[in-house]
PDB file of N, CA and C in Angstrom:
ATOM      1  N   UNK A   1      21.924   5.077 -39.319  1.00  0.00           N
ATOM      2  CA  UNK A   1      21.356   6.275 -39.903  1.00  0.00           C
ATOM      3  C   UNK A   1      20.311   5.880 -40.950  1.00  0.00           C
ATOM      4  N   UNK A   2      19.179   6.580 -41.008  1.00  0.00           N
ATOM      5  CA  UNK A   2      18.136   6.248 -41.970  1.00  0.00           C
ATOM      6  C   UNK A   2      18.454   6.832 -43.337  1.00  0.00           C
ATOM      7  N   UNK A   3      17.663   6.445 -44.319  1.00  0.00           N
ATOM      8  CA  UNK A   3      17.874   6.920 -45.693  1.00  0.00           C
ATOM      9  C   UNK A   3      17.604   8.414 -45.838  1.00  0.00           C
ATOM     10  N   UNK A   4      16.819   8.977 -44.951  1.00  0.00           N
ATOM     11  CA  UNK A   4      16.490  10.396 -45.043  1.00  0.00           C
ATOM     12  C   UNK A   4      17.603  11.283 -44.497  1.00  0.00           C
ATOM     13  N   UNK A   5      18.574  10.714 -43.852  1.00  0.00           N
ATOM     14  CA  UNK A   5      19.674  11.484 -43.329  1.00  0.00           C
ATOM     15  C   UNK A   5      19.503  11.858 -41.871  1.00  0.00           C
ATOM     16  N   UNK A   6      18.409  11.447 -41.249  1.00  0.00           N
ATOM     17  CA  UNK A   6      18.230  11.719 -39.827  1.00  0.00           C
ATOM     18  C   UNK A   6      17.499  10.532 -39.208  1.00  0.00           C
ATOM     19  N   UNK A   7      17.630  10.387 -37.925  1.00  0.00           N
ATOM     20  CA  UNK A   7      17.019   9.269 -37.213  1.00  0.00           C
ATOM     21  C   UNK A   7      15.899   9.800 -36.325  1.00  0.00           C
ATOM     22  N   UNK A   8      14.756   9.133 -36.407  1.00  0.00           N
ATOM     23  CA  UNK A   8      13.622   9.518 -35.566  1.00  0.00           C
ATOM     24  C   UNK A   8      13.809   8.916 -34.182  1.00  0.00           C
ATOM     25  N   UNK A   9      13.494   9.698 -33.179  1.00  0.00           N
ATOM     26  CA  UNK A   9      13.597   9.191 -31.815  1.00  0.00           C
ATOM     27  C   UNK A   9      12.508   8.150 -31.586  1.00  0.00           C
ATOM     28  N   UNK A  10      12.735   7.190 -30.718  1.00  0.00           N
ATOM     29  CA  UNK A  10      11.728   6.154 -30.457  1.00  0.00           C
ATOM     30  C   UNK A  10      10.400   6.734 -29.966  1.00  0.00           C
ATOM     31  N   UNK A  11      10.455   7.796 -29.163  1.00  0.00           N
ATOM     32  CA  UNK A  11       9.219   8.412 -28.671  1.00  0.00           C
ATOM     33  C   UNK A  11       8.414   9.047 -29.796  1.00  0.00           C
ATOM     34  N   UNK A  12       9.111   9.744 -30.710  1.00  0.00           N
ATOM     35  CA  UNK A  12       8.414  10.371 -31.832  1.00  0.00           C
ATOM     36  C   UNK A  12       7.875   9.313 -32.791  1.00  0.00           C
ATOM     37  N   UNK A  13       8.636   8.255 -32.994  1.00  0.00           N
ATOM     38  CA  UNK A  13       8.193   7.167 -33.875  1.00  0.00           C
ATOM     39  C   UNK A  13       6.924   6.530 -33.313  1.00  0.00           C
ATOM     40  N   UNK A  14       6.889   6.322 -31.983  1.00  0.00           N
ATOM     41  CA  UNK A  14       5.702   5.750 -31.346  1.00  0.00           C
ATOM     42  C   UNK A  14       4.511   6.699 -31.487  1.00  0.00           C
ATOM     43  N   UNK A  15       4.747   7.992 -31.279  1.00  0.00           N
ATOM     44  CA  UNK A  15       3.687   8.989 -31.448  1.00  0.00           C
ATOM     45  C   UNK A  15       3.166   8.984 -32.891  1.00  0.00           C
ATOM     46  N   UNK A  16       4.071   8.947 -33.858  1.00  0.00           N
ATOM     47  CA  UNK A  16       3.696   8.971 -35.266  1.00  0.00           C
ATOM     48  C   UNK A  16       2.871   7.739 -35.636  1.00  0.00           C
ATOM     49  N   UNK A  17       3.282   6.568 -35.172  1.00  0.00           N
ATOM     50  CA  UNK A  17       2.510   5.348 -35.453  1.00  0.00           C
ATOM     51  C   UNK A  17       1.130   5.409 -34.802  1.00  0.00           C
ATOM     52  N   UNK A  18       1.052   5.923 -33.583  1.00  0.00           N
ATOM     53  CA  UNK A  18      -0.244   6.075 -32.916  1.00  0.00           C
ATOM     54  C   UNK A  18      -1.146   7.053 -33.641  1.00  0.00           C
ATOM     55  N   UNK A  19      -0.558   8.162 -34.100  1.00  0.00           N
ATOM     56  CA  UNK A  19      -1.325   9.158 -34.836  1.00  0.00           C
ATOM     57  C   UNK A  19      -1.849   8.574 -36.152  1.00  0.00           C
ATOM     58  N   UNK A  20      -1.007   7.859 -36.888  1.00  0.00           N
ATOM     59  CA  UNK A  20      -1.441   7.237 -38.142  1.00  0.00           C
ATOM     60  C   UNK A  20      -2.507   6.172 -37.895  1.00  0.00           C
ATOM     61  N   UNK A  21      -2.382   5.422 -36.806  1.00  0.00           N
ATOM     62  CA  UNK A  21      -3.395   4.427 -36.463  1.00  0.00           C
ATOM     63  C   UNK A  21      -4.727   5.107 -36.147  1.00  0.00           C
ATOM     64  N   UNK A  22      -4.693   6.226 -35.427  1.00  0.00           N
ATOM     65  CA  UNK A  22      -5.921   6.956 -35.104  1.00  0.00           C
ATOM     66  C   UNK A  22      -6.578   7.505 -36.370  1.00  0.00           C
ATOM     67  N   UNK A  23      -5.773   8.026 -37.291  1.00  0.00           N
ATOM     68  CA  UNK A  23      -6.316   8.530 -38.565  1.00  0.00           C
ATOM     69  C   UNK A  23      -6.973   7.392 -39.339  1.00  0.00           C
ATOM     70  N   UNK A  24      -6.323   6.227 -39.370  1.00  0.00           N
ATOM     71  CA  UNK A  24      -6.882   5.080 -40.092  1.00  0.00           C
ATOM     72  C   UNK A  24      -8.185   4.603 -39.462  1.00  0.00           C
ATOM     73  N   UNK A  25      -8.240   4.558 -38.130  1.00  0.00           N
ATOM     74  CA  UNK A  25      -9.472   4.154 -37.444  1.00  0.00           C
ATOM     75  C   UNK A  25     -10.593   5.153 -37.738  1.00  0.00           C
ATOM     76  N   UNK A  26     -10.293   6.448 -37.716  1.00  0.00           N
ATOM     77  CA  UNK A  26     -11.302   7.469 -38.015  1.00  0.00           C
ATOM     78  C   UNK A  26     -11.787   7.339 -39.458  1.00  0.00           C
ATOM     79  N   UNK A  27     -10.879   7.108 -40.392  1.00  0.00           N
ATOM     80  CA  UNK A  27     -11.237   6.960 -41.811  1.00  0.00           C
ATOM     81  C   UNK A  27     -12.148   5.750 -42.000  1.00  0.00           C
ATOM     82  N   UNK A  28     -11.774   4.614 -41.422  1.00  0.00           N
ATOM     83  CA  UNK A  28     -12.591   3.403 -41.553  1.00  0.00           C
ATOM     84  C   UNK A  28     -13.929   3.556 -40.836  1.00  0.00           C
ATOM     85  N   UNK A  29     -13.930   4.222 -39.679  1.00  0.00           N
ATOM     86  CA  UNK A  29     -15.179   4.442 -38.958  1.00  0.00           C
ATOM     87  C   UNK A  29     -16.151   5.321 -39.727  1.00  0.00           C
ATOM     88  N   UNK A  30     -15.649   6.421 -40.290  1.00  0.00           N
ATOM     89  CA  UNK A  30     -16.500   7.292 -41.098  1.00  0.00           C
ATOM     90  C   UNK A  30     -17.005   6.564 -42.336  1.00  0.00           C
ATOM     91  N   UNK A  31     -16.136   5.769 -42.952  1.00  0.00           N
ATOM     92  CA  UNK A  31     -16.556   4.968 -44.102  1.00  0.00           C
ATOM     93  C   UNK A  31     -17.638   3.971 -43.729  1.00  0.00           C
ATOM     94  N   UNK A  32     -17.528   3.348 -42.552  1.00  0.00           N
ATOM     95  CA  UNK A  32     -18.546   2.399 -42.096  1.00  0.00           C
ATOM     96  C   UNK A  32     -19.878   3.096 -41.850  1.00  0.00           C
ATOM     97  N   UNK A  33     -19.843   4.309 -41.305  1.00  0.00           N
ATOM     98  CA  UNK A  33     -21.082   5.072 -41.082  1.00  0.00           C
ATOM     99  C   UNK A  33     -21.732   5.417 -42.419  1.00  0.00           C
ATOM    100  N   UNK A  34     -20.944   5.833 -43.377  1.00  0.00           N
ATOM    101  CA  UNK A  34     -21.490   6.160 -44.705  1.00  0.00           C
ATOM    102  C   UNK A  34     -22.083   4.916 -45.351  1.00  0.00           C
ATOM    103  N   UNK A  35     -21.371   3.799 -45.282  1.00  0.00           N
ATOM    104  CA  UNK A  35     -21.856   2.540 -45.859  1.00  0.00           C
ATOM    105  C   UNK A  35     -23.166   2.123 -45.206  1.00  0.00           C
ATOM    106  N   UNK A  36     -23.234   2.228 -43.870  1.00  0.00           N
ATOM    107  CA  UNK A  36     -24.463   1.887 -43.158  1.00  0.00           C
ATOM    108  C   UNK A  36     -25.596   2.805 -43.601  1.00  0.00           C
ATOM    109  N   UNK A  37     -25.324   4.113 -43.686  1.00  0.00           N
ATOM    110  CA  UNK A  37     -26.365   5.079 -44.048  1.00  0.00           C
ATOM    111  C   UNK A  37     -26.898   4.825 -45.448  1.00  0.00           C
ATOM    112  N   UNK A  38     -26.037   4.396 -46.350  1.00  0.00           N
ATOM    113  CA  UNK A  38     -26.473   4.139 -47.732  1.00  0.00           C
ATOM    114  C   UNK A  38     -27.451   2.972 -47.819  1.00  0.00           C
ATOM    115  N   UNK A  39     -27.458   2.117 -46.822  1.00  0.00           N
ATOM    116  CA  UNK A  39     -28.363   0.969 -46.821  1.00  0.00           C
ATOM    117  C   UNK A  39     -29.625   1.231 -46.007  1.00  0.00           C
ATOM    118  N   UNK A  40     -29.842   2.469 -45.589  1.00  0.00           N
ATOM    119  CA  UNK A  40     -31.016   2.855 -44.810  1.00  0.00           C
ATOM    120  C   UNK A  40     -32.030   3.536 -45.729  1.00  0.00           C
ATOM    121  N   UNK A  41     -33.237   3.765 -45.246  1.00  0.00           N
ATOM    122  CA  UNK A  41     -34.222   4.520 -46.036  1.00  0.00           C
ATOM    123  C   UNK A  41     -33.701   5.923 -46.350  1.00  0.00           C
ATOM    124  N   UNK A  42     -34.211   6.533 -47.415  1.00  0.00           N
ATOM    125  CA  UNK A  42     -33.720   7.852 -47.827  1.00  0.00           C
ATOM    126  C   UNK A  42     -33.752   8.913 -46.727  1.00  0.00           C
ATOM    127  N   UNK A  43     -34.750   8.881 -45.862  1.00  0.00           N
ATOM    128  CA  UNK A  43     -34.840   9.882 -44.807  1.00  0.00           C
ATOM    129  C   UNK A  43     -33.650   9.767 -43.852  1.00  0.00           C
ATOM    130  N   UNK A  44     -33.318   8.545 -43.468  1.00  0.00           N
ATOM    131  CA  UNK A  44     -32.183   8.318 -42.569  1.00  0.00           C
ATOM    132  C   UNK A  44     -30.881   8.693 -43.254  1.00  0.00           C
ATOM    133  N   UNK A  45     -30.732   8.282 -44.511  1.00  0.00           N
ATOM    134  CA  UNK A  45     -29.526   8.617 -45.261  1.00  0.00           C
ATOM    135  C   UNK A  45     -29.348  10.131 -45.338  1.00  0.00           C
ATOM    136  N   UNK A  46     -30.432  10.852 -45.604  1.00  0.00           N
ATOM    137  CA  UNK A  46     -30.374  12.308 -45.693  1.00  0.00           C
ATOM    138  C   UNK A  46     -29.965  12.955 -44.385  1.00  0.00           C
ATOM    139  N   UNK A  47     -30.517  12.451 -43.265  1.00  0.00           N
ATOM    140  CA  UNK A  47     -30.153  13.002 -41.955  1.00  0.00           C
ATOM    141  C   UNK A  47     -28.678  12.777 -41.645  1.00  0.00           C
ATOM    142  N   UNK A  48     -28.179  11.588 -41.962  1.00  0.00           N
ATOM    143  CA  UNK A  48     -26.766  11.287 -41.691  1.00  0.00           C
ATOM    144  C   UNK A  48     -25.865  12.147 -42.569  1.00  0.00           C
ATOM    145  N   UNK A  49     -26.157  12.227 -43.865  1.00  0.00           N
ATOM    146  CA  UNK A  49     -25.298  12.957 -44.787  1.00  0.00           C
ATOM    147  C   UNK A  49     -25.354  14.465 -44.562  1.00  0.00           C
ATOM    148  N   UNK A  50     -26.449  14.958 -43.997  1.00  0.00           N
ATOM    149  CA  UNK A  50     -26.549  16.392 -43.704  1.00  0.00           C
ATOM    150  C   UNK A  50     -25.534  16.805 -42.639  1.00  0.00           C
ATOM    151  N   UNK A  51     -25.100  15.868 -41.817  1.00  0.00           N
ATOM    152  CA  UNK A  51     -24.138  16.159 -40.754  1.00  0.00           C
ATOM    153  C   UNK A  51     -22.692  15.889 -41.163  1.00  0.00           C
ATOM    154  N   UNK A  52     -22.507  15.365 -42.370  1.00  0.00           N
ATOM    155  CA  UNK A  52     -21.156  15.043 -42.839  1.00  0.00           C
ATOM    156  C   UNK A  52     -20.504  16.260 -43.491  1.00  0.00           C
ATOM    157  N   UNK A  53     -19.201  16.385 -43.344  1.00  0.00           N
ATOM    158  CA  UNK A  53     -18.490  17.445 -44.075  1.00  0.00           C
ATOM    159  C   UNK A  53     -18.394  17.053 -45.548  1.00  0.00           C
ATOM    160  N   UNK A  54     -19.263  17.606 -46.386  1.00  0.00           N
ATOM    161  CA  UNK A  54     -19.418  17.172 -47.777  1.00  0.00           C
ATOM    162  C   UNK A  54     -18.117  17.104 -48.568  1.00  0.00           C
ATOM    163  N   UNK A  55     -17.272  18.126 -48.574  1.00  0.00           N
ATOM    164  CA  UNK A  55     -16.047  18.000 -49.382  1.00  0.00           C
ATOM    165  C   UNK A  55     -15.169  16.835 -48.934  1.00  0.00           C
ATOM    166  N   UNK A  56     -15.100  16.605 -47.631  1.00  0.00           N
ATOM    167  CA  UNK A  56     -14.268  15.517 -47.119  1.00  0.00           C
ATOM    168  C   UNK A  56     -14.807  14.173 -47.586  1.00  0.00           C
ATOM    169  N   UNK A  57     -16.116  13.986 -47.457  1.00  0.00           N
ATOM    170  CA  UNK A  57     -16.730  12.713 -47.824  1.00  0.00           C
ATOM    171  C   UNK A  57     -16.538  12.424 -49.308  1.00  0.00           C
ATOM    172  N   UNK A  58     -16.796  13.411 -50.139  1.00  0.00           N
ATOM    173  CA  UNK A  58     -16.729  13.175 -51.580  1.00  0.00           C
ATOM    174  C   UNK A  58     -15.299  13.077 -52.104  1.00  0.00           C
ATOM    175  N   UNK A  59     -14.349  13.671 -51.410  1.00  0.00           N
ATOM    176  CA  UNK A  59     -12.959  13.604 -51.860  1.00  0.00           C
ATOM    177  C   UNK A  59     -12.223  12.384 -51.316  1.00  0.00           C
ATOM    178  N   UNK A  60     -12.572  11.915 -50.132  1.00  0.00           N
ATOM    179  CA  UNK A  60     -11.832  10.822 -49.507  1.00  0.00           C
ATOM    180  C   UNK A  60     -12.397   9.433 -49.767  1.00  0.00           C
ATOM    181  N   UNK A  61     -13.647   9.350 -50.191  1.00  0.00           N
ATOM    182  CA  UNK A  61     -14.279   8.047 -50.376  1.00  0.00           C
ATOM    183  C   UNK A  61     -14.773   7.897 -51.810  1.00  0.00           C
ATOM    184  N   UNK A  62     -14.776   6.673 -52.335  1.00  0.00           N
ATOM    185  CA  UNK A  62     -15.336   6.435 -53.680  1.00  0.00           C
ATOM    186  C   UNK A  62     -16.864   6.435 -53.601  1.00  0.00           C
ATOM    187  N   UNK A  63     -17.429   7.615 -53.388  1.00  0.00           N
ATOM    188  CA  UNK A  63     -18.844   7.764 -53.052  1.00  0.00           C
ATOM    189  C   UNK A  63     -19.752   7.172 -54.127  1.00  0.00           C
ATOM    190  N   UNK A  64     -19.498   7.475 -55.392  1.00  0.00           N
ATOM    191  CA  UNK A  64     -20.377   6.992 -56.461  1.00  0.00           C
ATOM    192  C   UNK A  64     -20.367   5.471 -56.547  1.00  0.00           C
ATOM    193  N   UNK A  65     -19.214   4.866 -56.415  1.00  0.00           N
ATOM    194  CA  UNK A  65     -19.128   3.401 -56.456  1.00  0.00           C
ATOM    195  C   UNK A  65     -19.851   2.776 -55.267  1.00  0.00           C
ATOM    196  N   UNK A  66     -19.663   3.352 -54.085  1.00  0.00           N
ATOM    197  CA  UNK A  66     -20.355   2.850 -52.901  1.00  0.00           C
ATOM    198  C   UNK A  66     -21.869   2.966 -53.067  1.00  0.00           C
ATOM    199  N   UNK A  67     -22.318   4.118 -53.567  1.00  0.00           N
ATOM    200  CA  UNK A  67     -23.752   4.352 -53.743  1.00  0.00           C
ATOM    201  C   UNK A  67     -24.345   3.393 -54.769  1.00  0.00           C
ATOM    202  N   UNK A  68     -23.657   3.200 -55.886  1.00  0.00           N
ATOM    203  CA  UNK A  68     -24.149   2.295 -56.929  1.00  0.00           C
ATOM    204  C   UNK A  68     -24.272   0.882 -56.387  1.00  0.00           C
ATOM    205  N   UNK A  69     -23.301   0.446 -55.629  1.00  0.00           N
ATOM    206  CA  UNK A  69     -23.343  -0.899 -55.066  1.00  0.00           C
ATOM    207  C   UNK A  69     -24.427  -1.022 -53.993  1.00  0.00           C
ATOM    208  N   UNK A  70     -24.569  -0.013 -53.151  1.00  0.00           N
ATOM    209  CA  UNK A  70     -25.541  -0.067 -52.061  1.00  0.00           C
ATOM    210  C   UNK A  70     -26.979  -0.063 -52.582  1.00  0.00           C
ATOM    211  N   UNK A  71     -27.232   0.632 -53.662  1.00  0.00           N
ATOM    212  CA  UNK A  71     -28.599   0.767 -54.183  1.00  0.00           C
ATOM    213  C   UNK A  71     -28.877  -0.111 -55.402  1.00  0.00           C
ATOM    214  N   UNK A  72     -28.030  -1.093 -55.671  1.00  0.00           N
ATOM    215  CA  UNK A  72     -28.182  -1.921 -56.867  1.00  0.00           C
ATOM    216  C   UNK A  72     -29.482  -2.710 -56.863  1.00  0.00           C
ATOM    217  N   UNK A  73     -29.867  -3.262 -55.737  1.00  0.00           N
ATOM    218  CA  UNK A  73     -31.098  -4.040 -55.671  1.00  0.00           C
ATOM    219  C   UNK A  73     -30.924  -5.397 -56.311  1.00  0.00           C
ATOM    220  N   UNK A  74     -31.998  -6.171 -56.317  1.00  0.00           N
ATOM    221  CA  UNK A  74     -31.925  -7.504 -56.897  1.00  0.00           C
ATOM    222  C   UNK A  74     -33.153  -7.839 -57.734  1.00  0.00           C
ATOM    223  N   UNK A  75     -33.784  -6.828 -58.319  1.00  0.00           N
ATOM    224  CA  UNK A  75     -34.919  -7.080 -59.198  1.00  0.00           C
ATOM    225  C   UNK A  75     -34.421  -7.422 -60.598  1.00  0.00           C
ATOM    226  N   UNK A  76     -35.136  -8.311 -61.224  1.00  0.00           N
ATOM    227  CA  UNK A  76     -34.836  -8.674 -62.607  1.00  0.00           C
ATOM    228  C   UNK A  76     -36.018  -8.321 -63.486  1.00  0.00           C
ATOM    229  N   UNK A  77     -35.808  -8.307 -64.778  1.00  0.00           N
ATOM    230  CA  UNK A  77     -36.892  -8.025 -65.721  1.00  0.00           C
ATOM    231  C   UNK A  77     -37.984  -9.074 -65.533  1.00  0.00           C
ATOM    232  N   UNK A  78     -39.216  -8.602 -65.405  1.00  0.00           N
ATOM    233  CA  UNK A  78     -40.353  -9.480 -65.210  1.00  0.00           C
ATOM    234  C   UNK A  78     -40.753  -9.669 -63.755  1.00  0.00           C
ATOM    235  N   UNK A  79     -39.903  -9.261 -62.814  1.00  0.00           N
ATOM    236  CA  UNK A  79     -40.250  -9.358 -61.389  1.00  0.00           C
ATOM    237  C   UNK A  79     -41.329  -8.337 -61.051  1.00  0.00           C
ATOM    238  N   UNK A  80     -42.145  -8.678 -60.050  1.00  0.00           N
ATOM    239  CA  UNK A  80     -43.150  -7.726 -59.582  1.00  0.00           C
ATOM    240  C   UNK A  80     -42.452  -6.618 -58.795  1.00  0.00           C
ATOM    241  N   UNK A  81     -42.988  -5.433 -58.910  1.00  0.00           N
ATOM    242  CA  UNK A  81     -42.428  -4.282 -58.202  1.00  0.00           C
ATOM    243  C   UNK A  81     -42.762  -4.415 -56.716  1.00  0.00           C
ATOM    244  N   UNK A  82     -41.791  -4.187 -55.840  1.00  0.00           N
ATOM    245  CA  UNK A  82     -42.105  -4.220 -54.402  1.00  0.00           C
ATOM    246  C   UNK A  82     -43.060  -3.080 -54.040  1.00  0.00           C
ATOM    247  N   UNK A  83     -43.910  -3.329 -53.081  1.00  0.00           N
ATOM    248  CA  UNK A  83     -44.861  -2.309 -52.653  1.00  0.00           C
ATOM    249  C   UNK A  83     -44.139  -1.192 -51.900  1.00  0.00           C
ATOM    250  N   UNK A  84     -44.617   0.029 -52.057  1.00  0.00           N
ATOM    251  CA  UNK A  84     -44.084   1.165 -51.310  1.00  0.00           C
ATOM    252  C   UNK A  84     -45.166   2.201 -51.178  1.00  0.00           C
ATOM    253  N   UNK A  85     -44.970   3.119 -50.243  1.00  0.00           N
ATOM    254  CA  UNK A  85     -45.929   4.215 -50.067  1.00  0.00           C
ATOM    255  C   UNK A  85     -45.174   5.534 -50.120  1.00  0.00           C
ATOM    256  N   UNK A  86     -45.867   6.552 -50.630  1.00  0.00           N
ATOM    257  CA  UNK A  86     -45.293   7.886 -50.765  1.00  0.00           C
ATOM    258  C   UNK A  86     -46.246   8.911 -50.167  1.00  0.00           C
ATOM    259  N   UNK A  87     -45.679   9.960 -49.612  1.00  0.00           N
ATOM    260  CA  UNK A  87     -46.467  11.056 -49.068  1.00  0.00           C
ATOM    261  C   UNK A  87     -47.010  11.892 -50.225  1.00  0.00           C
ATOM    262  N   UNK A  88     -48.296  12.260 -50.141  1.00  0.00           N
ATOM    263  CA  UNK A  88     -48.883  13.118 -51.169  1.00  0.00           C
ATOM    264  C   UNK A  88     -48.228  14.491 -51.139  1.00  0.00           C
ATOM    265  N   UNK A  89     -48.288  15.209 -52.259  1.00  0.00           N
ATOM    266  CA  UNK A  89     -47.651  16.521 -52.359  1.00  0.00           C
ATOM    267  C   UNK A  89     -48.217  17.482 -51.325  1.00  0.00           C
ATOM    268  N   UNK A  90     -49.537  17.436 -51.110  1.00  0.00           N
ATOM    269  CA  UNK A  90     -50.152  18.339 -50.129  1.00  0.00           C
ATOM    270  C   UNK A  90     -50.057  17.813 -48.695  1.00  0.00           C
ATOM    271  N   UNK A  91     -49.388  16.684 -48.506  1.00  0.00           N
ATOM    272  CA  UNK A  91     -49.153  16.057 -47.208  1.00  0.00           C
ATOM    273  C   UNK A  91     -50.439  15.690 -46.477  1.00  0.00           C
ATOM    274  N   UNK A  92     -51.488  15.413 -47.246  1.00  0.00           N
ATOM    275  CA  UNK A  92     -52.762  15.045 -46.646  1.00  0.00           C
ATOM    276  C   UNK A  92     -52.866  13.545 -46.373  1.00  0.00           C
ATOM    277  N   UNK A  93     -51.908  12.781 -46.797  1.00  0.00           N
ATOM    278  CA  UNK A  93     -51.926  11.332 -46.598  1.00  0.00           C
ATOM    279  C   UNK A  93     -50.864  10.681 -47.450  1.00  0.00           C
ATOM    280  N   UNK A  94     -50.966   9.365 -47.554  1.00  0.00           N
ATOM    281  CA  UNK A  94     -49.996   8.628 -48.367  1.00  0.00           C
ATOM    282  C   UNK A  94     -50.715   7.854 -49.461  1.00  0.00           C
ATOM    283  N   UNK A  95     -49.971   7.533 -50.486  1.00  0.00           N
ATOM    284  CA  UNK A  95     -50.450   6.665 -51.559  1.00  0.00           C
ATOM    285  C   UNK A  95     -49.618   5.397 -51.535  1.00  0.00           C
ATOM    286  N   UNK A  96     -50.283   4.259 -51.669  1.00  0.00           N
ATOM    287  CA  UNK A  96     -49.586   2.978 -51.667  1.00  0.00           C
ATOM    288  C   UNK A  96     -49.697   2.367 -53.053  1.00  0.00           C
ATOM    289  N   UNK A  97     -48.587   1.856 -53.552  1.00  0.00           N
ATOM    290  CA  UNK A  97     -48.559   1.292 -54.902  1.00  0.00           C
ATOM    291  C   UNK A  97     -49.550   0.151 -55.055  1.00  0.00           C
ATOM    292  N   UNK A  98     -49.652  -0.725 -54.071  1.00  0.00           N
ATOM    293  CA  UNK A  98     -50.564  -1.870 -54.171  1.00  0.00           C
ATOM    294  C   UNK A  98     -52.009  -1.413 -54.323  1.00  0.00           C
ATOM    295  N   UNK A  99     -52.392  -0.342 -53.643  1.00  0.00           N
ATOM    296  CA  UNK A  99     -53.756   0.187 -53.738  1.00  0.00           C
ATOM    297  C   UNK A  99     -54.015   0.751 -55.133  1.00  0.00           C
ATOM    298  N   UNK A 100     -53.078   1.527 -55.648  1.00  0.00           N
ATOM    299  CA  UNK A 100     -53.238   2.088 -56.988  1.00  0.00           C
ATOM    300  C   UNK A 100     -53.263   0.999 -58.051  1.00  0.00           C
ATOM    301  N   UNK A 101     -52.435  -0.005 -57.881  1.00  0.00           N
ATOM    302  CA  UNK A 101     -52.301  -1.057 -58.881  1.00  0.00           C
ATOM    303  C   UNK A 101     -53.547  -1.940 -58.940  1.00  0.00           C
ATOM    304  N   UNK A 102     -54.328  -2.028 -57.870  1.00  0.00           N
ATOM    305  CA  UNK A 102     -55.571  -2.793 -57.889  1.00  0.00           C
ATOM    306  C   UNK A 102     -56.628  -2.097 -58.741  1.00  0.00           C
ATOM    307  N   UNK A 103     -56.584  -0.769 -58.772  1.00  0.00           N
ATOM    308  CA  UNK A 103     -57.599  -0.002 -59.478  1.00  0.00           C
ATOM    309  C   UNK A 103     -57.307   0.103 -60.970  1.00  0.00           C
ATOM    310  N   UNK A 104     -56.028   0.248 -61.319  1.00  0.00           N
ATOM    311  CA  UNK A 104     -55.644   0.470 -62.717  1.00  0.00           C
ATOM    312  C   UNK A 104     -54.150   0.208 -62.873  1.00  0.00           C
ATOM    313  N   UNK A 105     -53.678   0.033 -64.112  1.00  0.00           N
ATOM    314  CA  UNK A 105     -52.234  -0.117 -64.298  1.00  0.00           C
ATOM    315  C   UNK A 105     -51.503   1.170 -63.888  1.00  0.00           C
ATOM    316  N   UNK A 106     -50.306   1.017 -63.381  1.00  0.00           N
ATOM    317  CA  UNK A 106     -49.520   2.152 -62.896  1.00  0.00           C
ATOM    318  C   UNK A 106     -48.217   2.214 -63.682  1.00  0.00           C
ATOM    319  N   UNK A 107     -47.873   3.413 -64.119  1.00  0.00           N
ATOM    320  CA  UNK A 107     -46.601   3.644 -64.792  1.00  0.00           C
ATOM    321  C   UNK A 107     -45.768   4.543 -63.889  1.00  0.00           C
ATOM    322  N   UNK A 108     -44.569   4.102 -63.581  1.00  0.00           N
ATOM    323  CA  UNK A 108     -43.657   4.908 -62.754  1.00  0.00           C
ATOM    324  C   UNK A 108     -42.618   5.540 -63.668  1.00  0.00           C
ATOM    325  N   UNK A 109     -42.480   6.840 -63.562  1.00  0.00           N
ATOM    326  CA  UNK A 109     -41.483   7.581 -64.352  1.00  0.00           C
ATOM    327  C   UNK A 109     -40.521   8.238 -63.380  1.00  0.00           C
ATOM    328  N   UNK A 110     -39.241   7.889 -63.492  1.00  0.00           N
ATOM    329  CA  UNK A 110     -38.218   8.483 -62.640  1.00  0.00           C
ATOM    330  C   UNK A 110     -37.385   9.401 -63.498  1.00  0.00           C
ATOM    331  N   UNK A 111     -37.275  10.631 -63.084  1.00  0.00           N
ATOM    332  CA  UNK A 111     -36.487  11.576 -63.860  1.00  0.00           C
ATOM    333  C   UNK A 111     -36.802  12.986 -63.446  1.00  0.00           C
ATOM    334  N   UNK A 112     -36.269  13.914 -64.188  1.00  0.00           N
ATOM    335  CA  UNK A 112     -36.447  15.321 -63.899  1.00  0.00           C
ATOM    336  C   UNK A 112     -37.119  15.991 -65.080  1.00  0.00           C
ATOM    337  N   UNK A 113     -38.010  16.888 -64.788  1.00  0.00           N
ATOM    338  CA  UNK A 113     -38.704  17.629 -65.838  1.00  0.00           C
ATOM    339  C   UNK A 113     -38.283  19.087 -65.856  1.00  0.00           C
ATOM    340  N   UNK A 114     -37.123  19.393 -65.309  1.00  0.00           N
ATOM    341  CA  UNK A 114     -36.676  20.786 -65.286  1.00  0.00           C
ATOM    342  C   UNK A 114     -35.657  21.032 -66.371  1.00  0.00           C
TER     343      UNK A 114
END
């Protein structure tokens, strides 16, 4: 007799172990997809996360820790900024950092003005 006062049948025990294994595989698989998406460009990450059930993702995974680690980078003080391009606000073309930096010094400000 088990400690709970009842004995599980072998068939139910096998079903329960299979069900728990399937849940674990699904959890690890979803976590792997999120981890992969965090290492992709922002557009890809946005497309992947738009299809995720937001409450589930944020409640079941250490999202902030994963994001901080995935986006940490390896630049140090004094390193040159990697080149990148951005779409203009009016979508008439792109601006490339290397092109702007040849003409004049560039200051990048990241933040919100709202």
